[in-house]
Structures are given as C-alpha cells and as structure tokens.
Protein backbone atom coordinates (compact mmCIF):
# COMPACT_ATOMS: atom_id res chain seq x y z
CA LEU A 1 -3.68 -12.77 -17.83
CA CYS A 2 -6.62 -14.17 -15.92
CA PRO A 3 -6.32 -17.97 -15.78
CA THR A 4 -10.13 -18.34 -15.93
CA CYS A 5 -11.16 -16.09 -18.86
CA GLY A 6 -7.86 -14.87 -20.40
CA GLU A 7 -8.61 -11.17 -19.81
CA LYS A 8 -5.59 -8.88 -19.27
CA ARG A 9 -5.12 -7.90 -15.63
CA ARG A 10 -5.82 -4.23 -14.86
CA ILE A 11 -3.08 -1.94 -13.52
CA THR A 12 -3.51 1.28 -11.54
CA CYS A 13 -0.82 3.98 -11.73
CA SER A 14 0.42 4.83 -8.24
CA THR A 15 1.20 8.41 -9.33
CA CYS A 16 -1.89 9.67 -11.17
CA GLY A 17 -4.45 6.89 -10.57
CA THR A 18 -4.96 5.97 -14.25
CA THR A 19 -6.33 2.44 -14.66
CA GLY A 20 -5.95 0.25 -17.73
CA VAL A 21 -4.59 -2.91 -19.29
CA ASP A 22 -2.18 -1.48 -21.90
CA PHE A 23 0.75 -0.07 -19.93
CA PRO A 24 4.03 -0.49 -21.86
CA LEU A 25 7.06 -1.99 -20.12
CA ALA A 26 9.74 0.46 -18.99
CA ASP A 27 13.13 0.39 -20.72
CA GLY A 28 16.15 -0.97 -18.95
CA PRO A 29 16.83 -4.06 -16.87
CA ILE A 30 13.70 -5.80 -15.61
CA PRO A 31 13.78 -6.46 -11.85
CA ALA A 32 13.30 -10.09 -10.89
CA GLU A 33 10.55 -9.41 -8.34
CA GLN A 34 8.33 -7.04 -10.37
CA PRO A 35 8.58 -5.33 -13.76
CA LEU A 36 8.26 -1.57 -14.15
CA PHE A 37 5.70 -0.03 -16.51
CA ILE A 38 5.25 3.41 -18.10
CA CYS A 39 1.97 5.19 -17.38
CA PRO A 40 0.47 6.50 -20.65
CA SER A 41 -1.12 9.49 -18.86
CA CYS A 42 1.72 10.89 -16.73
CA ASP A 43 4.73 9.20 -18.44
CA ASP A 44 6.04 8.07 -15.06
CA SER A 45 7.85 4.79 -14.52
CA ILE A 46 5.74 2.86 -11.99
CA ALA A 47 5.64 -0.38 -10.07
CA PRO A 48 2.06 -1.41 -10.85
CA ARG A 49 -0.76 -1.89 -8.40
CA TRP A 50 -2.67 -4.87 -9.78
CA ASP A 51 -6.41 -5.32 -9.31
CA ARG A 52 -7.02 -8.31 -7.07
CA ARG A 53 -10.12 -9.49 -8.95
CA CYS A 54 -10.67 -9.92 -12.68
CA LYS A 55 -13.17 -7.35 -13.95
CA ARG A 56 -14.71 -9.81 -16.43
CA CYS A 57 -15.19 -13.03 -14.46
CA GLY A 58 -14.38 -12.03 -10.86
CA HIS A 59 -11.45 -14.45 -10.47
CA ASP A 60 -9.59 -13.73 -7.21
CA PHE A 61 -5.84 -13.69 -7.89
CA ASP A 62 -5.03 -13.62 -4.13
CA ASN A 63 -1.31 -13.22 -4.79
CA ARG A 64 0.49 -12.18 -1.60
CA SER A 65 3.32 -10.43 -3.50
CA ASP A 66 0.76 -8.21 -5.27
CA ALA A 67 -0.83 -7.27 -1.95
CA ALA A 68 2.60 -6.35 -0.61
CA ALA A 69 3.20 -4.21 -3.69
CA GLY A 70 0.37 -1.92 -2.70
CA SER A 71 -2.86 -3.21 -4.20
CA GLY A 72 -4.64 -1.79 -1.16
CA GLU A 73 -6.27 -5.08 -0.25
CA GLY A 74 -4.93 -7.40 2.39
CA ALA A 75 -4.03 -6.67 5.99
CA MET A 76 -5.75 -3.65 7.49
CA PHE A 77 -2.60 -2.46 9.30
CA SER A 78 1.01 -3.35 8.58
CA ALA A 79 3.47 -4.12 11.37
CA ARG A 80 5.10 -0.71 10.88
CA THR A 81 1.75 1.06 11.27
CA LEU A 82 0.99 -0.81 14.48
CA LEU A 83 4.46 0.00 15.83
CA VAL A 84 4.00 3.73 15.16
CA ILE A 85 0.53 3.68 16.76
CA GLY A 86 2.00 1.93 19.81
CA PHE A 87 4.78 4.51 20.17
CA LEU A 88 2.32 7.38 19.81
CA LEU A 89 -0.02 5.92 22.43
CA GLY A 90 2.85 5.17 24.80
CA GLY A 91 4.26 8.67 24.39
CA SER A 92 0.85 10.25 24.96
CA ILE A 93 0.27 8.22 28.12
CA ALA A 94 3.75 9.12 29.41
CA LEU A 95 3.15 12.81 28.69
CA LEU A 96 -0.23 12.75 30.46
CA ALA A 97 1.29 10.96 33.45
CA TYR A 98 4.07 13.57 33.62
CA PHE A 99 1.59 16.46 33.57
CA ALA A 100 -0.57 14.74 36.19
CA TRP A 101 2.50 14.29 38.41
CA LEU A 102 3.56 17.90 37.79
CA LEU A 103 0.14 19.32 38.69
CA ARG A 104 -0.13 17.09 41.73
CA ALA A 105 3.29 18.27 42.94
CA ARG A 106 2.19 21.92 42.52
CA ILE A 107 -1.02 21.37 44.47
CA VAL A 108 0.80 19.72 47.39
CA TRP A 109 3.29 22.59 47.77
C-alpha cells in the first residue's frame, strides 16, 4: 500500500504485460525476499514488477529491491551489460587489428 494515500500498489505481469492491483498470491511457500503472484490473464506464477510511483498521488517508492526485481527504472546499464559490451568492443577491435595486419602482410609480400 502507498504510505501517503493508502492506494494498492500496481503490479505488471512479466509474462503478458497485464497491469493491475488484484493479483492473488501463488500457493506454496512464500520466499523471504519477494512473494510470487498469479496473473489473472495468463495464469502464470510471476515475480511482480512493481510500479515505482503511486498512480493516485505520485508517491515515489524508490525501493532498491524493487528496481533490482525488474521494474525497469533505475540504472541504465547493469554491470553485466557493461561487461558484455566491453567484451564485444574488445573482440571487434582485435578482429579489425588482425585483418589490418593480415592485409598489410599481403601487400608487403
């Protein structure tokens, strides 16, 4: 619930994109870090993506664990994304340097 106005916090299904406030809890043991919900549209068990701001009053929840769970707001690039981009750039530069060396060796002969 929103601490400012008491409105239920909206959830977005990560499978089908349905958004709402009345997602039932999934059966079974509830994980300590985040509960699982059942999407009423696709009947899939989901870890919810919470809206960061309250739709009624605009309260900013700014909860770092929700951002890590995939709310889509937060850091632009994760560390893993930056690592992959670095490896791709490094590999491309190495490949271009190899081809430049190969063509230069052919021209000299």
